[in-house]
Amino acid sequence: MSTIQDRVIEIIAEQAVLEPADVTLDSTLEDLGIDSLGLVESIFAIEEAFDISVPFNANEPDKSDFDISSVRAIVAGIERLIAEQT
């Protein structure tokens, strides 16, 4: 079974048309070539994969409490959301 981190990396790699090995925890979405539309699609895929709702405003990401500054931050946010559900 894959970990949350592994699954998030798979989703982001798929969106960036990269191999998961090319995505590190310190990668930013910008580093990976993911634009705002790609970000929204990634968030939808993450929500579906983990059955969560990400509190994210695609038009104003700086006003969201969900940190998208790096893959590591995204993983931490998802882990927090999953923990809050239980």
N, C-alpha and C. Protein backbone atom coordinates (compact mmCIF):
# COMPACT_ATOMS: atom_id res chain seq x y z
N MET A 1 0.85 -1.19 0.00
CA MET A 1 0.00 0.00 0.00
C MET A 1 0.89 1.25 0.00
N SER A 2 0.54 2.18 -0.82
CA SER A 2 1.36 3.40 -0.90
C SER A 2 1.00 4.35 0.23
N THR A 3 1.97 5.14 0.60
CA THR A 3 1.75 6.12 1.65
C THR A 3 1.06 7.35 1.06
N ILE A 4 0.62 8.22 1.93
CA ILE A 4 0.02 9.49 1.48
C ILE A 4 1.04 10.24 0.63
N GLN A 5 2.27 10.30 1.11
CA GLN A 5 3.32 11.01 0.39
C GLN A 5 3.51 10.43 -1.01
N ASP A 6 3.59 9.10 -1.11
CA ASP A 6 3.78 8.45 -2.41
C ASP A 6 2.63 8.76 -3.36
N ARG A 7 1.41 8.71 -2.85
CA ARG A 7 0.24 8.95 -3.71
C ARG A 7 0.20 10.40 -4.17
N VAL A 8 0.51 11.33 -3.29
CA VAL A 8 0.53 12.74 -3.68
C VAL A 8 1.59 12.97 -4.76
N ILE A 9 2.75 12.38 -4.58
CA ILE A 9 3.81 12.52 -5.58
C ILE A 9 3.36 11.93 -6.91
N GLU A 10 2.68 10.78 -6.89
CA GLU A 10 2.17 10.19 -8.13
C GLU A 10 1.20 11.13 -8.84
N ILE A 11 0.29 11.71 -8.08
CA ILE A 11 -0.71 12.62 -8.66
C ILE A 11 -0.03 13.85 -9.26
N ILE A 12 0.88 14.44 -8.52
CA ILE A 12 1.56 15.64 -9.01
C ILE A 12 2.44 15.31 -10.21
N ALA A 13 3.12 14.18 -10.16
CA ALA A 13 3.96 13.77 -11.30
C ALA A 13 3.12 13.56 -12.54
N GLU A 14 1.96 12.94 -12.38
CA GLU A 14 1.07 12.72 -13.52
C GLU A 14 0.64 14.06 -14.13
N GLN A 15 0.30 15.00 -13.28
CA GLN A 15 -0.13 16.32 -13.76
C GLN A 15 1.01 17.04 -14.47
N ALA A 16 2.23 16.85 -13.98
CA ALA A 16 3.38 17.54 -14.56
C ALA A 16 3.98 16.75 -15.73
N VAL A 17 3.41 15.60 -16.03
CA VAL A 17 3.91 14.70 -17.08
C VAL A 17 5.38 14.36 -16.81
N LEU A 18 5.62 13.94 -15.57
CA LEU A 18 6.95 13.53 -15.13
C LEU A 18 6.86 12.16 -14.49
N GLU A 19 8.01 11.56 -14.28
CA GLU A 19 8.07 10.33 -13.50
C GLU A 19 8.03 10.70 -12.02
N PRO A 20 7.40 9.88 -11.18
CA PRO A 20 7.38 10.19 -9.74
C PRO A 20 8.78 10.42 -9.18
N ALA A 21 9.77 9.74 -9.70
CA ALA A 21 11.14 9.91 -9.20
C ALA A 21 11.68 11.32 -9.46
N ASP A 22 11.07 12.04 -10.41
CA ASP A 22 11.50 13.40 -10.72
C ASP A 22 10.90 14.44 -9.77
N VAL A 23 9.97 14.02 -8.92
CA VAL A 23 9.28 14.92 -8.00
C VAL A 23 9.84 14.70 -6.60
N THR A 24 10.39 15.75 -6.00
CA THR A 24 10.91 15.64 -4.64
C THR A 24 9.99 16.40 -3.69
N LEU A 25 10.17 16.16 -2.41
CA LEU A 25 9.36 16.87 -1.42
C LEU A 25 9.63 18.36 -1.43
N ASP A 26 10.82 18.75 -1.85
CA ASP A 26 11.16 20.17 -1.88
C ASP A 26 10.79 20.85 -3.20
N SER A 27 10.28 20.08 -4.16
CA SER A 27 9.86 20.67 -5.43
C SER A 27 8.68 21.61 -5.22
N THR A 28 8.69 22.71 -5.95
CA THR A 28 7.51 23.57 -5.97
C THR A 28 6.72 23.22 -7.23
N LEU A 29 5.47 23.59 -7.26
CA LEU A 29 4.67 23.32 -8.44
C LEU A 29 5.23 24.07 -9.64
N GLU A 30 5.75 25.25 -9.38
CA GLU A 30 6.38 26.04 -10.45
C GLU A 30 7.59 25.31 -11.01
N ASP A 31 8.42 24.74 -10.11
CA ASP A 31 9.59 23.97 -10.54
C ASP A 31 9.18 22.84 -11.48
N LEU A 32 8.02 22.27 -11.21
CA LEU A 32 7.55 21.11 -11.96
C LEU A 32 6.78 21.49 -13.22
N GLY A 33 6.59 22.78 -13.43
CA GLY A 33 5.89 23.25 -14.62
C GLY A 33 4.38 23.17 -14.51
N ILE A 34 3.86 23.14 -13.30
CA ILE A 34 2.41 23.06 -13.10
C ILE A 34 1.86 24.48 -12.98
N ASP A 35 0.96 24.82 -13.90
CA ASP A 35 0.35 26.16 -13.89
C ASP A 35 -0.91 26.15 -13.03
N SER A 36 -1.65 27.24 -13.03
CA SER A 36 -2.82 27.35 -12.16
C SER A 36 -3.90 26.32 -12.51
N LEU A 37 -4.09 26.06 -13.79
CA LEU A 37 -5.07 25.04 -14.19
C LEU A 37 -4.60 23.66 -13.73
N GLY A 38 -3.32 23.40 -13.89
CA GLY A 38 -2.76 22.13 -13.43
C GLY A 38 -2.89 21.98 -11.93
N LEU A 39 -2.75 23.07 -11.22
CA LEU A 39 -2.91 23.06 -9.77
C LEU A 39 -4.33 22.65 -9.40
N VAL A 40 -5.30 23.27 -10.05
CA VAL A 40 -6.70 22.96 -9.76
C VAL A 40 -6.97 21.48 -10.07
N GLU A 41 -6.47 21.00 -11.19
CA GLU A 41 -6.67 19.59 -11.55
C GLU A 41 -5.99 18.67 -10.54
N SER A 42 -4.82 19.06 -10.06
CA SER A 42 -4.13 18.27 -9.04
C SER A 42 -4.93 18.22 -7.75
N ILE A 43 -5.47 19.37 -7.34
CA ILE A 43 -6.28 19.42 -6.13
C ILE A 43 -7.50 18.53 -6.26
N PHE A 44 -8.18 18.57 -7.41
CA PHE A 44 -9.34 17.70 -7.62
C PHE A 44 -8.94 16.23 -7.52
N ALA A 45 -7.82 15.86 -8.13
CA ALA A 45 -7.35 14.48 -8.08
C ALA A 45 -7.00 14.06 -6.66
N ILE A 46 -6.40 14.96 -5.91
CA ILE A 46 -6.04 14.68 -4.51
C ILE A 46 -7.32 14.50 -3.68
N GLU A 47 -8.29 15.37 -3.87
CA GLU A 47 -9.55 15.25 -3.13
C GLU A 47 -10.21 13.91 -3.41
N GLU A 48 -10.22 13.51 -4.67
CA GLU A 48 -10.83 12.24 -5.04
C GLU A 48 -10.05 11.05 -4.46
N ALA A 49 -8.73 11.11 -4.55
CA ALA A 49 -7.90 10.00 -4.08
C ALA A 49 -8.02 9.77 -2.58
N PHE A 50 -8.17 10.85 -1.82
CA PHE A 50 -8.17 10.74 -0.36
C PHE A 50 -9.54 11.00 0.27
N ASP A 51 -10.56 11.25 -0.58
CA ASP A 51 -11.91 11.52 -0.09
C ASP A 51 -11.90 12.64 0.96
N ILE A 52 -11.27 13.75 0.57
CA ILE A 52 -11.19 14.93 1.44
C ILE A 52 -11.63 16.15 0.63
N SER A 53 -11.83 17.24 1.32
CA SER A 53 -12.13 18.51 0.68
C SER A 53 -11.02 19.49 1.06
N VAL A 54 -10.28 19.92 0.06
CA VAL A 54 -9.16 20.82 0.30
C VAL A 54 -9.67 22.26 0.33
N PRO A 55 -9.44 22.98 1.43
CA PRO A 55 -9.88 24.37 1.52
C PRO A 55 -8.94 25.26 0.71
N PHE A 56 -9.26 25.39 -0.56
CA PHE A 56 -8.34 26.05 -1.48
C PHE A 56 -9.11 26.98 -2.40
N ASN A 57 -8.58 28.17 -2.62
CA ASN A 57 -9.18 29.11 -3.56
C ASN A 57 -8.18 29.30 -4.69
N ALA A 58 -8.48 28.73 -5.83
CA ALA A 58 -7.55 28.76 -6.96
C ALA A 58 -7.24 30.18 -7.41
N ASN A 59 -8.19 31.09 -7.22
CA ASN A 59 -7.98 32.46 -7.65
C ASN A 59 -7.14 33.27 -6.67
N GLU A 60 -7.13 32.86 -5.41
CA GLU A 60 -6.39 33.59 -4.39
C GLU A 60 -5.69 32.61 -3.43
N PRO A 61 -4.70 31.87 -3.92
CA PRO A 61 -4.06 30.87 -3.07
C PRO A 61 -3.39 31.46 -1.83
N ASP A 62 -3.04 32.74 -1.87
CA ASP A 62 -2.42 33.37 -0.70
C ASP A 62 -3.43 33.59 0.43
N LYS A 63 -4.72 33.46 0.15
CA LYS A 63 -5.74 33.64 1.17
C LYS A 63 -6.26 32.31 1.71
N SER A 64 -5.61 31.22 1.33
CA SER A 64 -6.02 29.90 1.79
C SER A 64 -5.10 29.44 2.91
N ASP A 65 -5.63 28.63 3.82
CA ASP A 65 -4.77 28.09 4.87
C ASP A 65 -4.16 26.75 4.46
N PHE A 66 -4.37 26.37 3.21
CA PHE A 66 -3.76 25.15 2.68
C PHE A 66 -2.51 25.57 1.92
N ASP A 67 -1.35 25.20 2.44
CA ASP A 67 -0.06 25.62 1.90
C ASP A 67 0.30 24.80 0.66
N ILE A 68 0.52 25.49 -0.46
CA ILE A 68 0.91 24.81 -1.69
C ILE A 68 2.31 25.23 -2.13
N SER A 69 3.12 25.67 -1.18
CA SER A 69 4.44 26.20 -1.52
C SER A 69 5.42 25.12 -1.97
N SER A 70 5.18 23.87 -1.58
CA SER A 70 6.06 22.77 -1.99
C SER A 70 5.27 21.47 -1.90
N VAL A 71 5.83 20.43 -2.48
CA VAL A 71 5.20 19.11 -2.37
C VAL A 71 5.12 18.70 -0.90
N ARG A 72 6.17 18.97 -0.14
CA ARG A 72 6.18 18.64 1.29
C ARG A 72 5.01 19.34 2.01
N ALA A 73 4.77 20.61 1.71
CA ALA A 73 3.68 21.35 2.35
C ALA A 73 2.32 20.78 1.95
N ILE A 74 2.18 20.37 0.71
CA ILE A 74 0.93 19.77 0.25
C ILE A 74 0.67 18.45 0.98
N VAL A 75 1.70 17.62 1.08
CA VAL A 75 1.58 16.35 1.80
C VAL A 75 1.18 16.60 3.25
N ALA A 76 1.83 17.55 3.91
CA ALA A 76 1.51 17.86 5.31
C ALA A 76 0.06 18.34 5.44
N GLY A 77 -0.38 19.15 4.51
CA GLY A 77 -1.77 19.63 4.55
C GLY A 77 -2.77 18.50 4.38
N ILE A 78 -2.47 17.57 3.50
CA ILE A 78 -3.37 16.44 3.27
C ILE A 78 -3.39 15.53 4.51
N GLU A 79 -2.22 15.30 5.09
CA GLU A 79 -2.16 14.47 6.30
C GLU A 79 -2.99 15.10 7.41
N ARG A 80 -2.93 16.44 7.52
CA ARG A 80 -3.70 17.15 8.54
C ARG A 80 -5.21 16.99 8.28
N LEU A 81 -5.62 17.14 7.01
CA LEU A 81 -7.03 17.03 6.67
C LEU A 81 -7.55 15.62 6.95
N ILE A 82 -6.74 14.62 6.64
CA ILE A 82 -7.16 13.22 6.88
C ILE A 82 -7.28 12.99 8.39
N ALA A 83 -6.32 13.50 9.16
CA ALA A 83 -6.37 13.32 10.61
C ALA A 83 -7.59 14.01 11.21
N GLU A 84 -7.98 15.15 10.66
CA GLU A 84 -9.13 15.88 11.17
C GLU A 84 -10.44 15.14 10.91
N GLN A 85 -10.46 14.29 9.90
CA GLN A 85 -11.67 13.54 9.57
C GLN A 85 -11.95 12.42 10.56
N THR A 86 -10.89 11.94 11.21
CA THR A 86 -11.07 10.77 12.10
C THR A 86 -11.34 11.18 13.52
